[in-house]
Amino acid sequence: MTQRDESNAADSATAEFNKMEGANINYDVAKDGLVPFMYLAMSAIGKSMADGEGSVRLEANNCGAVYELKLEADFDVQAMSPVVAGHGLNKDNQPNACPV
């Protein structure tokens, strides 16, 4: 196993993310450290995000997830954690294959 170069992780991650639908940050409370998080929504997790290679290594989830990212100094981010994950994919249940 080779060691990854962490200095390039963010650069390569931008090419791996897929189906990212939005980011939310409340700047007014984040700048004071009261809510030092931002949130990312992904409608589905798969392909290059779940292939076990590269800088982004997530568990596949066709129903998506919301991730919480701890804000560091100057709003830098080092890691993300899932806070809500979709489940129960049923392709026959149209138009919402995932439970709403």
N, C-alpha and C. Protein backbone atom coordinates (compact mmCIF):
# COMPACT_ATOMS: atom_id res chain seq x y z
N MET A 1 0.83 -1.17 0.00
CA MET A 1 0.00 0.00 0.00
C MET A 1 0.89 1.24 0.00
N THR A 2 0.58 2.19 -0.86
CA THR A 2 1.36 3.41 -0.92
C THR A 2 0.70 4.50 -0.10
N GLN A 3 1.51 5.38 0.42
CA GLN A 3 0.99 6.49 1.21
C GLN A 3 0.51 7.59 0.27
N ARG A 4 -0.65 8.16 0.59
CA ARG A 4 -1.18 9.25 -0.22
C ARG A 4 -0.49 10.56 0.15
N ASP A 5 -0.34 11.44 -0.80
CA ASP A 5 0.19 12.77 -0.55
C ASP A 5 -0.98 13.65 -0.14
N GLU A 6 -1.11 13.93 1.16
CA GLU A 6 -2.25 14.69 1.67
C GLU A 6 -2.30 16.11 1.12
N SER A 7 -1.17 16.65 0.70
CA SER A 7 -1.18 18.02 0.19
C SER A 7 -1.97 18.13 -1.11
N ASN A 8 -2.14 17.03 -1.81
CA ASN A 8 -2.91 17.05 -3.06
C ASN A 8 -4.31 16.48 -2.89
N ALA A 9 -4.68 16.09 -1.68
CA ALA A 9 -5.98 15.43 -1.46
C ALA A 9 -7.14 16.33 -1.86
N ALA A 10 -7.10 17.59 -1.48
CA ALA A 10 -8.21 18.49 -1.81
C ALA A 10 -8.30 18.71 -3.31
N ASP A 11 -7.17 18.84 -3.96
CA ASP A 11 -7.18 19.04 -5.42
C ASP A 11 -7.78 17.85 -6.14
N SER A 12 -7.40 16.63 -5.76
CA SER A 12 -7.93 15.46 -6.45
C SER A 12 -9.38 15.19 -6.05
N ALA A 13 -9.78 15.60 -4.85
CA ALA A 13 -11.16 15.38 -4.41
C ALA A 13 -12.14 16.15 -5.27
N THR A 14 -11.74 17.30 -5.77
CA THR A 14 -12.67 18.09 -6.59
C THR A 14 -13.07 17.33 -7.84
N ALA A 15 -12.21 16.48 -8.35
CA ALA A 15 -12.54 15.69 -9.54
C ALA A 15 -13.36 14.45 -9.18
N GLU A 16 -13.32 14.01 -7.93
CA GLU A 16 -14.01 12.80 -7.52
C GLU A 16 -15.44 13.04 -7.06
N PHE A 17 -15.73 14.20 -6.47
CA PHE A 17 -17.08 14.46 -5.99
C PHE A 17 -18.06 14.45 -7.16
N ASN A 18 -19.25 13.92 -6.88
CA ASN A 18 -20.27 13.74 -7.90
C ASN A 18 -21.62 13.89 -7.20
N LYS A 19 -22.58 14.52 -7.83
CA LYS A 19 -23.94 14.66 -7.30
C LYS A 19 -24.00 15.54 -6.05
N MET A 20 -23.03 16.44 -5.89
CA MET A 20 -23.09 17.39 -4.78
C MET A 20 -24.12 18.45 -5.16
N GLU A 21 -25.16 18.55 -4.36
CA GLU A 21 -26.29 19.39 -4.72
C GLU A 21 -26.29 20.74 -4.02
N GLY A 22 -25.52 20.91 -2.97
CA GLY A 22 -25.52 22.21 -2.32
C GLY A 22 -24.66 22.24 -1.07
N ALA A 23 -24.23 23.43 -0.74
CA ALA A 23 -23.47 23.67 0.48
C ALA A 23 -24.18 24.78 1.25
N ASN A 24 -24.19 24.67 2.57
CA ASN A 24 -24.87 25.66 3.38
C ASN A 24 -23.96 26.04 4.54
N ILE A 25 -23.80 27.33 4.74
CA ILE A 25 -23.04 27.84 5.88
C ILE A 25 -23.72 29.12 6.34
N ASN A 26 -23.89 29.25 7.65
CA ASN A 26 -24.42 30.46 8.23
C ASN A 26 -23.21 31.31 8.64
N TYR A 27 -22.79 32.16 7.75
CA TYR A 27 -21.55 32.91 7.94
C TYR A 27 -21.58 33.74 9.22
N ASP A 28 -22.72 34.37 9.52
CA ASP A 28 -22.79 35.25 10.68
C ASP A 28 -22.44 34.55 11.98
N VAL A 29 -22.91 33.33 12.18
CA VAL A 29 -22.59 32.61 13.42
C VAL A 29 -21.31 31.79 13.30
N ALA A 30 -20.94 31.42 12.09
CA ALA A 30 -19.70 30.67 11.90
C ALA A 30 -18.48 31.55 12.16
N LYS A 31 -18.53 32.81 11.75
CA LYS A 31 -17.37 33.69 11.94
C LYS A 31 -17.07 33.93 13.41
N ASP A 32 -18.08 33.85 14.26
CA ASP A 32 -17.89 34.01 15.70
C ASP A 32 -17.64 32.68 16.41
N GLY A 33 -17.66 31.57 15.68
CA GLY A 33 -17.41 30.26 16.26
C GLY A 33 -18.62 29.66 16.96
N LEU A 34 -19.79 30.28 16.85
CA LEU A 34 -20.98 29.76 17.53
C LEU A 34 -21.50 28.49 16.86
N VAL A 35 -21.46 28.44 15.55
CA VAL A 35 -21.84 27.24 14.79
C VAL A 35 -20.73 27.02 13.77
N PRO A 36 -19.65 26.38 14.20
CA PRO A 36 -18.46 26.28 13.33
C PRO A 36 -18.54 25.12 12.32
N PHE A 37 -19.67 25.03 11.62
CA PHE A 37 -19.84 23.94 10.66
C PHE A 37 -20.42 24.47 9.36
N MET A 38 -20.19 23.73 8.30
CA MET A 38 -20.93 23.91 7.05
C MET A 38 -21.48 22.53 6.70
N TYR A 39 -22.48 22.51 5.85
CA TYR A 39 -23.14 21.26 5.50
C TYR A 39 -23.17 21.10 3.99
N LEU A 40 -22.95 19.87 3.52
CA LEU A 40 -23.00 19.52 2.10
C LEU A 40 -24.06 18.46 1.87
N ALA A 41 -24.86 18.65 0.84
CA ALA A 41 -25.86 17.65 0.47
C ALA A 41 -25.42 16.96 -0.81
N MET A 42 -25.52 15.64 -0.82
CA MET A 42 -25.24 14.85 -2.02
C MET A 42 -26.45 13.98 -2.29
N SER A 43 -26.99 14.07 -3.50
CA SER A 43 -28.20 13.32 -3.82
C SER A 43 -27.92 11.83 -4.00
N ALA A 44 -26.70 11.48 -4.28
CA ALA A 44 -26.30 10.07 -4.39
C ALA A 44 -24.80 9.99 -4.18
N ILE A 45 -24.34 8.87 -3.65
CA ILE A 45 -22.91 8.66 -3.43
C ILE A 45 -22.52 7.40 -4.19
N GLY A 46 -21.67 7.55 -5.16
CA GLY A 46 -21.25 6.40 -5.96
C GLY A 46 -20.10 6.80 -6.87
N LYS A 47 -19.90 5.98 -7.88
CA LYS A 47 -18.85 6.19 -8.88
C LYS A 47 -17.51 6.46 -8.22
N SER A 48 -16.83 7.54 -8.59
CA SER A 48 -15.48 7.79 -8.08
C SER A 48 -15.43 8.10 -6.59
N MET A 49 -16.57 8.43 -5.98
CA MET A 49 -16.57 8.68 -4.54
C MET A 49 -16.56 7.38 -3.74
N ALA A 50 -17.00 6.29 -4.33
CA ALA A 50 -17.15 5.03 -3.60
C ALA A 50 -16.37 3.88 -4.22
N ASP A 51 -15.34 4.21 -5.02
CA ASP A 51 -14.59 3.14 -5.68
C ASP A 51 -13.39 2.66 -4.88
N GLY A 52 -13.16 3.24 -3.68
CA GLY A 52 -12.06 2.80 -2.83
C GLY A 52 -10.71 3.34 -3.27
N GLU A 53 -10.71 4.24 -4.23
CA GLU A 53 -9.46 4.82 -4.73
C GLU A 53 -9.50 6.33 -4.59
N GLY A 54 -8.37 6.97 -4.72
CA GLY A 54 -8.31 8.42 -4.69
C GLY A 54 -8.44 8.99 -3.29
N SER A 55 -8.78 10.28 -3.24
CA SER A 55 -8.85 10.99 -1.97
C SER A 55 -10.21 10.92 -1.30
N VAL A 56 -11.27 10.70 -2.08
CA VAL A 56 -12.62 10.58 -1.53
C VAL A 56 -12.97 9.11 -1.47
N ARG A 57 -13.20 8.60 -0.27
CA ARG A 57 -13.51 7.18 -0.08
C ARG A 57 -14.73 7.05 0.82
N LEU A 58 -15.90 7.10 0.20
CA LEU A 58 -17.15 7.02 0.93
C LEU A 58 -17.85 5.71 0.65
N GLU A 59 -18.79 5.36 1.50
CA GLU A 59 -19.61 4.18 1.28
C GLU A 59 -20.72 4.55 0.29
N ALA A 60 -20.93 3.71 -0.71
CA ALA A 60 -21.96 3.99 -1.72
C ALA A 60 -23.34 4.09 -1.06
N ASN A 61 -24.12 5.06 -1.54
CA ASN A 61 -25.48 5.25 -1.04
C ASN A 61 -26.28 5.95 -2.13
N ASN A 62 -27.15 5.22 -2.79
CA ASN A 62 -27.95 5.78 -3.88
C ASN A 62 -29.01 6.75 -3.41
N CYS A 63 -29.25 6.82 -2.11
CA CYS A 63 -30.24 7.75 -1.57
C CYS A 63 -29.60 9.01 -0.99
N GLY A 64 -28.30 9.14 -1.10
CA GLY A 64 -27.62 10.37 -0.71
C GLY A 64 -27.37 10.54 0.77
N ALA A 65 -26.79 11.69 1.10
CA ALA A 65 -26.44 12.00 2.49
C ALA A 65 -26.20 13.49 2.64
N VAL A 66 -26.23 13.92 3.89
CA VAL A 66 -25.83 15.27 4.26
C VAL A 66 -24.61 15.12 5.15
N TYR A 67 -23.56 15.88 4.85
CA TYR A 67 -22.32 15.83 5.60
C TYR A 67 -22.09 17.13 6.35
N GLU A 68 -21.52 17.00 7.54
CA GLU A 68 -21.13 18.15 8.35
C GLU A 68 -19.62 18.32 8.26
N LEU A 69 -19.18 19.52 7.99
CA LEU A 69 -17.76 19.82 7.87
C LEU A 69 -17.36 20.85 8.92
N LYS A 70 -16.43 20.48 9.78
CA LYS A 70 -15.95 21.38 10.84
C LYS A 70 -15.08 22.44 10.19
N LEU A 71 -15.40 23.71 10.47
CA LEU A 71 -14.63 24.82 9.92
C LEU A 71 -13.44 25.11 10.82
N GLU A 72 -12.28 25.19 10.19
CA GLU A 72 -11.05 25.55 10.89
C GLU A 72 -10.80 27.04 10.66
N ALA A 73 -9.63 27.51 11.03
CA ALA A 73 -9.27 28.91 10.83
C ALA A 73 -9.40 29.27 9.35
N ASP A 74 -9.85 30.46 9.09
CA ASP A 74 -10.06 30.95 7.72
C ASP A 74 -11.01 30.07 6.93
N PHE A 75 -11.92 29.37 7.62
CA PHE A 75 -12.94 28.53 7.02
C PHE A 75 -12.37 27.33 6.25
N ASP A 76 -11.15 26.91 6.58
CA ASP A 76 -10.59 25.69 6.00
C ASP A 76 -11.35 24.49 6.53
N VAL A 77 -11.35 23.40 5.78
CA VAL A 77 -12.01 22.16 6.18
C VAL A 77 -11.03 21.02 6.01
N GLN A 78 -10.94 20.16 7.03
CA GLN A 78 -10.02 19.02 6.99
C GLN A 78 -10.74 17.68 6.86
N ALA A 79 -12.01 17.63 7.29
CA ALA A 79 -12.74 16.37 7.28
C ALA A 79 -14.24 16.62 7.22
N MET A 80 -14.98 15.59 6.87
CA MET A 80 -16.43 15.67 6.85
C MET A 80 -17.01 14.40 7.45
N SER A 81 -18.17 14.54 8.11
CA SER A 81 -18.82 13.40 8.76
C SER A 81 -20.29 13.37 8.35
N PRO A 82 -20.83 12.18 8.10
CA PRO A 82 -22.25 12.11 7.73
C PRO A 82 -23.13 12.41 8.95
N VAL A 83 -24.19 13.20 8.74
CA VAL A 83 -25.14 13.48 9.82
C VAL A 83 -26.53 12.95 9.48
N VAL A 84 -26.83 12.84 8.21
CA VAL A 84 -28.10 12.25 7.75
C VAL A 84 -27.79 11.44 6.50
N ALA A 85 -28.22 10.19 6.48
CA ALA A 85 -27.99 9.34 5.31
C ALA A 85 -29.30 8.74 4.83
N GLY A 86 -29.51 8.79 3.54
CA GLY A 86 -30.70 8.17 2.96
C GLY A 86 -30.61 6.65 3.04
N HIS A 87 -31.76 5.99 2.91
CA HIS A 87 -31.79 4.53 2.96
C HIS A 87 -33.08 4.04 2.33
N GLY A 88 -33.14 2.78 2.04
CA GLY A 88 -34.38 2.16 1.57
C GLY A 88 -34.66 2.34 0.09
N LEU A 89 -33.61 2.33 -0.74
CA LEU A 89 -33.81 2.48 -2.18
C LEU A 89 -34.75 1.42 -2.71
N ASN A 90 -35.77 1.85 -3.45
CA ASN A 90 -36.73 0.96 -4.09
C ASN A 90 -36.99 1.52 -5.49
N LYS A 91 -36.29 0.99 -6.48
CA LYS A 91 -36.39 1.51 -7.85
C LYS A 91 -37.80 1.42 -8.41
N ASP A 92 -38.63 0.53 -7.87
CA ASP A 92 -40.00 0.39 -8.36
C ASP A 92 -40.94 1.45 -7.78
N ASN A 93 -40.51 2.16 -6.76
CA ASN A 93 -41.33 3.18 -6.12
C ASN A 93 -41.07 4.53 -6.79
N GLN A 94 -41.75 4.80 -7.86
CA GLN A 94 -41.57 6.04 -8.60
C GLN A 94 -42.65 7.03 -8.25
N PRO A 95 -42.42 8.31 -8.23
CA PRO A 95 -41.20 8.98 -8.68
C PRO A 95 -40.12 9.07 -7.60
N ASN A 96 -40.38 8.64 -6.39
CA ASN A 96 -39.39 8.74 -5.31
C ASN A 96 -38.86 7.37 -4.94
N ALA A 97 -37.77 6.96 -5.58
CA ALA A 97 -37.18 5.65 -5.30
C ALA A 97 -36.60 5.57 -3.89
N CYS A 98 -36.28 6.72 -3.30
CA CYS A 98 -35.82 6.78 -1.92
C CYS A 98 -36.93 7.37 -1.07
N PRO A 99 -37.12 6.87 0.14
CA PRO A 99 -38.15 7.44 1.01
C PRO A 99 -37.91 8.94 1.25
N VAL A 100 -38.97 9.70 1.19
CA VAL A 100 -38.84 11.12 1.50
C VAL A 100 -39.11 11.30 2.95
